[in-house]
Structure formats: structure tokens, C-alpha cells
Protein backbone atom coordinates (compact mmCIF):
# COMPACT_ATOMS: atom_id res chain seq x y z
CA MET A 1 0.09 0.11 0.26
CA GLU A 2 1.33 3.58 -0.71
CA SER A 3 1.82 6.10 1.72
CA LYS A 4 2.91 9.55 2.32
CA TYR A 5 5.53 10.12 4.07
CA MET A 6 6.18 13.64 6.15
CA ILE A 7 9.36 14.55 6.43
CA SER A 8 10.55 15.52 9.83
CA ASN A 9 12.75 18.44 10.12
CA GLN A 10 14.85 16.26 12.80
CA GLY A 11 18.52 16.06 11.39
CA SER A 12 18.25 18.71 8.77
CA GLY A 13 21.30 20.14 10.37
CA ARG A 14 19.73 23.82 10.54
CA THR A 15 21.32 26.25 12.51
CA GLY A 16 19.58 29.53 12.31
CA THR A 17 23.24 30.86 11.35
CA LEU A 18 24.58 31.39 7.93
CA LYS A 19 25.89 28.76 6.34
CA LYS A 20 29.25 28.40 4.22
CA LYS A 21 28.32 27.53 0.70
CA GLU A 22 28.60 23.97 -0.46
CA PRO A 23 29.80 22.75 -3.33
CA SER A 24 27.69 21.42 -5.62
CA SER A 25 29.27 18.00 -6.15
CA GLN A 26 29.30 18.09 -2.06
CA ARG A 27 25.65 18.76 -1.76
CA HIS A 28 24.63 16.30 -4.03
CA GLU A 29 26.26 13.81 -2.66
CA ARG A 30 24.99 14.69 0.99
CA ILE A 31 21.43 14.24 -0.03
CA TYR A 32 21.82 11.45 -1.84
CA LYS A 33 23.60 9.62 0.56
CA ASN A 34 20.82 10.99 3.65
CA ILE A 35 18.03 9.65 1.52
CA ARG A 36 19.92 6.28 0.56
CA GLU A 37 20.23 5.50 3.82
CA ARG A 38 16.64 6.02 4.64
CA ILE A 39 15.66 3.97 2.24
CA CYS A 40 17.77 1.22 3.11
CA LEU A 41 17.31 1.74 6.59
CA LEU A 42 13.17 1.34 6.22
CA THR A 43 12.51 4.70 7.62
CA TYR A 44 11.09 5.22 3.46
CA PRO A 45 9.67 1.68 3.08
CA PRO A 46 8.44 0.63 -0.19
CA GLY A 47 5.16 2.33 -1.34
CA THR A 48 6.65 5.45 0.14
CA ILE A 49 5.94 8.86 -1.73
CA LEU A 50 8.54 10.95 -1.69
CA SER A 51 8.10 14.67 -2.09
CA GLU A 52 10.69 16.92 -3.90
CA THR A 53 9.27 20.36 -2.20
CA GLU A 54 9.26 18.56 1.22
CA LEU A 55 12.34 17.45 0.65
CA ALA A 56 14.04 20.43 -0.61
CA ALA A 57 12.32 22.41 2.12
CA GLU A 58 14.43 19.75 4.62
CA PHE A 59 17.86 20.35 3.08
CA GLU A 60 17.16 23.55 2.60
CA VAL A 61 17.49 23.65 -1.16
CA SER A 62 16.06 23.92 -4.74
CA ARG A 63 14.03 21.45 -6.14
CA THR A 64 16.60 21.38 -9.09
CA PRO A 65 19.00 19.30 -6.48
CA VAL A 66 16.47 16.92 -5.42
CA ARG A 67 15.25 15.89 -8.41
CA ARG A 68 18.97 15.05 -9.58
CA VAL A 69 19.14 12.78 -6.72
CA VAL A 70 15.79 10.95 -7.32
CA GLN A 71 17.36 11.15 -10.85
CA GLN A 72 19.78 9.01 -9.30
CA LEU A 73 18.28 7.06 -7.22
CA HIS A 74 15.35 6.04 -10.12
CA PHE A 75 18.73 4.54 -11.97
CA GLU A 76 19.57 2.49 -9.00
CA GLY A 77 16.19 0.88 -8.60
CA LEU A 78 15.36 2.60 -4.98
CA VAL A 79 12.65 4.63 -6.67
CA GLU A 80 9.91 4.35 -9.69
CA ILE A 81 8.89 7.93 -11.15
CA LYS A 82 5.36 7.84 -11.85
CA ASN A 83 3.71 10.28 -14.02
CA GLY A 84 0.76 11.61 -11.82
CA VAL A 85 1.83 10.44 -8.77
CA GLY A 86 5.39 10.80 -7.96
CA THR A 87 8.89 9.23 -7.07
CA ILE A 88 7.80 5.87 -4.88
CA VAL A 89 10.05 3.83 -3.22
CA THR A 90 9.90 0.68 -4.92
CA ASP A 91 9.65 -3.36 -3.57
CA ILE A 92 11.43 -6.05 -5.14
CA ASP A 93 10.70 -9.49 -5.68
CA LEU A 94 12.17 -12.44 -4.44
CA LYS A 95 13.55 -13.63 -7.59
CA THR A 96 15.39 -9.87 -8.35
CA PHE A 97 16.38 -10.36 -5.03
CA LYS A 98 18.27 -13.88 -5.38
CA ASP A 99 19.64 -13.38 -8.46
CA ILE A 100 21.54 -9.67 -7.11
CA TYR A 101 22.62 -11.84 -4.13
CA ASP A 102 24.02 -14.39 -6.81
CA PHE A 103 25.67 -11.88 -8.66
CA ARG A 104 27.24 -10.13 -5.38
CA MET A 105 29.02 -13.30 -4.70
CA ARG A 106 30.75 -13.10 -7.53
CA LEU A 107 31.58 -9.28 -7.33
CA ALA A 108 33.02 -10.32 -4.11
CA GLU A 109 35.21 -12.75 -4.64
CA LEU A 110 36.74 -9.91 -7.73
CA ILE A 111 37.75 -7.92 -4.56
CA GLY A 112 41.48 -9.05 -4.18
CA GLU A 113 42.25 -9.53 -8.11
CA LEU A 114 40.95 -6.44 -9.54
CA SER A 115 43.54 -3.83 -8.74
CA PRO A 116 43.13 -4.44 -4.43
CA ALA A 117 44.34 -1.74 -2.43
CA GLN A 118 46.23 -2.33 0.41
CA VAL A 119 45.20 -2.53 4.01
CA THR A 120 46.16 0.28 6.27
CA ASP A 121 46.22 0.78 10.14
CA ALA A 122 43.82 2.84 10.06
CA GLN A 123 41.35 0.11 8.40
CA ILE A 124 42.39 -2.48 10.75
CA GLU A 125 40.60 -0.29 13.29
CA THR A 126 37.63 0.55 11.86
CA MET A 127 37.01 -3.02 11.68
CA GLU A 128 38.38 -3.75 14.86
CA GLN A 129 35.72 -0.85 15.91
CA LEU A 130 32.77 -2.72 14.20
CA LEU A 131 33.37 -5.91 15.11
CA ALA A 132 33.01 -4.16 18.98
CA ARG A 133 29.78 -2.30 17.78
CA ALA A 134 28.05 -5.65 16.72
CA LYS A 135 29.15 -7.43 20.22
CA ALA A 136 27.12 -4.72 21.91
CA ILE A 137 24.32 -5.48 20.33
CA ARG A 138 24.06 -8.98 20.81
CA ASN A 139 21.74 -9.15 23.67
CA SER A 140 19.97 -6.55 22.43
CA PRO A 141 17.80 -6.29 19.27
CA ASP A 142 17.90 -2.69 17.10
CA ILE A 143 17.60 -3.25 13.30
CA ALA A 144 18.69 0.13 12.48
CA ASN A 145 22.13 -0.16 14.23
CA TYR A 146 22.93 -3.31 13.36
CA ALA A 147 22.05 -2.14 9.75
CA ARG A 148 24.53 0.90 10.22
CA ILE A 149 27.20 -1.28 10.96
CA ASN A 150 26.94 -3.46 7.96
CA ASN A 151 26.46 0.16 6.06
CA ASP A 152 29.67 1.15 7.52
CA LEU A 153 31.19 -2.48 6.77
CA LEU A 154 30.29 -1.85 3.03
CA GLU A 155 32.07 1.03 3.12
CA LEU A 156 34.96 -0.37 4.61
CA LEU A 157 35.18 -2.94 2.13
CA LEU A 158 34.74 -0.93 -1.05
CA ASP A 159 38.54 1.24 -0.01
CA LEU A 160 39.87 -2.39 -0.69
CA ILE A 161 38.65 -2.88 -3.95
CA GLY A 162 40.88 -0.88 -6.46
CA SER A 163 38.81 -1.40 -9.73
CA GLY A 164 36.10 2.13 -10.11
CA PRO A 165 33.36 0.23 -11.79
CA LEU A 166 33.18 -3.16 -9.60
CA ARG A 167 33.17 -0.59 -6.61
CA GLU A 168 30.88 1.27 -7.97
CA THR A 169 28.67 -2.10 -9.02
CA SER A 170 29.28 -3.33 -5.37
CA GLU A 171 28.01 -0.21 -3.75
CA ARG A 172 24.95 -0.09 -6.43
CA LEU A 173 23.83 -3.70 -5.57
CA TYR A 174 24.05 -3.81 -1.84
CA TYR A 175 21.84 -0.97 -1.27
CA ARG A 176 19.00 -2.76 -4.04
CA VAL A 177 18.81 -5.28 -1.69
CA ALA A 178 19.93 -4.40 1.92
CA ARG A 179 16.34 -2.98 3.08
CA ILE A 180 14.67 -6.50 1.59
CA TRP A 181 17.34 -8.42 3.66
CA TYR A 182 16.49 -6.35 7.17
CA THR A 183 12.52 -7.14 6.79
CA PHE A 184 13.05 -10.35 7.64
CA LEU A 185 14.91 -9.80 10.51
CA PRO A 186 12.50 -9.63 13.39
CA ASP A 187 11.73 -13.31 11.63
CA LEU A 188 14.89 -14.52 12.02
CA ASP A 189 17.34 -15.38 15.04
CA TRP A 190 18.51 -12.50 16.34
CA SER A 191 21.49 -14.09 18.29
CA LYS A 192 22.37 -15.83 14.90
CA SER A 193 21.95 -12.97 12.95
CA VAL A 194 24.47 -10.93 14.81
CA ALA A 195 26.44 -13.91 15.59
CA ALA A 196 27.07 -14.40 11.65
CA VAL A 197 28.23 -11.01 11.59
CA GLU A 198 30.21 -11.19 14.08
CA ALA A 199 32.02 -14.20 12.37
CA GLU A 200 32.47 -12.37 9.13
CA MET A 201 34.00 -9.42 10.78
CA THR A 202 36.21 -11.60 12.84
CA GLU A 203 37.45 -13.74 9.53
CA ILE A 204 37.80 -10.10 7.84
CA LEU A 205 39.58 -9.29 10.34
CA GLU A 206 42.45 -11.93 10.51
CA ALA A 207 42.39 -11.58 6.20
CA MET A 208 42.98 -7.62 6.58
CA ARG A 209 45.90 -8.09 9.24
CA ARG A 210 47.81 -10.45 6.67
CA ASN A 211 47.08 -7.85 3.66
CA ASP A 212 44.91 -10.58 2.03
CA VAL A 213 42.95 -9.31 0.54
CA ARG A 214 41.71 -11.78 -1.67
CA ALA A 215 40.46 -13.93 1.25
CA VAL A 216 38.81 -10.75 2.42
CA GLY A 217 36.31 -11.22 -0.59
CA LYS A 218 36.25 -14.97 -0.25
CA VAL A 219 35.01 -14.70 3.81
CA ARG A 220 32.49 -11.99 2.15
CA SER A 221 31.16 -14.13 -0.94
CA ARG A 222 30.77 -17.49 1.78
CA TYR A 223 28.72 -14.81 4.19
CA LEU A 224 26.96 -13.80 1.23
CA HIS A 225 25.47 -17.33 0.33
CA ASP A 226 25.00 -17.45 4.15
CA ILE A 227 22.07 -14.65 4.43
CA LEU A 228 20.39 -16.16 1.34
CA THR A 229 20.51 -19.77 2.51
CA ARG A 230 19.21 -18.44 5.49
CA VAL A 231 16.26 -16.30 3.74
CA SER A 232 15.45 -18.80 1.46
CA GLU A 233 14.80 -21.58 4.27
CA TYR A 234 12.72 -19.10 6.16
CA ILE A 235 10.61 -18.63 3.22
CA GLY A 236 10.48 -22.32 2.66
CA GLY A 237 9.38 -22.70 5.87
CA ASN A 238 6.31 -20.00 5.55
């Protein structure tokens, strides 16, 4: 069912003071990532109608930059633009979900093959922090926090990819299906879901400490397969 999402001013960053003019590219990236995260975290669930006018008011810009962001989200399959209706957050069928996960597994295996980057101490420290964050929610179900941890894990893994096309495709496909996975979480065993993330991060961290980016990709591929298997088993049992 389509719903109308009323934009909140919370988190819009309004201070009432004069701001330094923001470069258009930086502004586009800020608005794009903000809206994309809301779609990913199901703040804007499938069927939500996004108002360009309300978004423009929230981000304190004209409708033109918002329209450009919407066009990018449309290209990435996150929204659909319907004449006479507006911009609608898309849903995704389970076959497409499976097809994209199968493709993501293949792409993950290429992380260590196509111009892999050198692992830095800062990246290792970031992974250690992510693992600590995952352990902290083990006994306190929080899907939004779980999603943000996974989003940050993706950003770290993208930094290890030297190939621009591989990095861009991996990022786009992640956000295309991540929100669908999160819709299943309330019906799955929370402790097992978090334990799987902890196990993946632990193995990736060990590989990063060895500067073995190829192993990082293989670990990622295996855990993507695990998620797909768990979702398939859940669907099959209902």
C-alpha cells in the first residue's frame, strides 16, 4: 500500500546561522546518501511517496538538486517515478533478490583480484571498532543499528577495492537489496544473525591483518551465500 511520508526536520542540520556555500557536488552527495540511507533503513519503506518539495525544504535547497538525486536513485532501482503520482520507493521481488545476491557473491570474489588496495592500520582499527559495535548489540535487538554497522562494513570493504567499476557496482547492488534483508530480520533468530556478522567480521579482520585482500573477498562471498540460504529457508518454511 502506498503511503505518504511526512518529512521531519530532525537531523536536517538547520542552525539558524549563515552557512558557507556548499559545492554542488558535495551537496548532491550529502542529500543522495541521506535519502539512500533512509530507504535502506526502511525509514522510507516500499510504497512511500517522496515529495521533492518537502525534501527541498528539509535540505534547504531548490527542487533542482533534489530532482537530480531522485534521478540517480531511480537509475539505481531504489525509486520509481510515476507521472501523476510522484516518486515512489520501490519494492523488490524475491527472484530479483536472489539473482542480485548470486551476482554479489561473484563480485565479492573479485575484490582481491581487480587492483586490490593495500590494507592500512587505520582500516584495521576501523574493522576492530565495527566488530566491537556488533558485539554490543548481541543481546539488545536493534535493527537500525545492525543495518548501520553493515553499511559501515560495506564502506570499509569498498575502500579495499581498487577497481572503480567493481566498487561502484558493489555499492549499488548492496543498497538495492539490503533493505529487503532487513525486513526478514524481525522473524529470524536475532542472536544467530548478529553472531553471523561477528564471525564474518572476525574472519575479515584476520585476513586484513595478513594484508590478504583475496581472502577478504572469499569470506564476504561465503557469508553472502549464508544470508541467501537463511532467507530461502525462512521463505520455504512459511
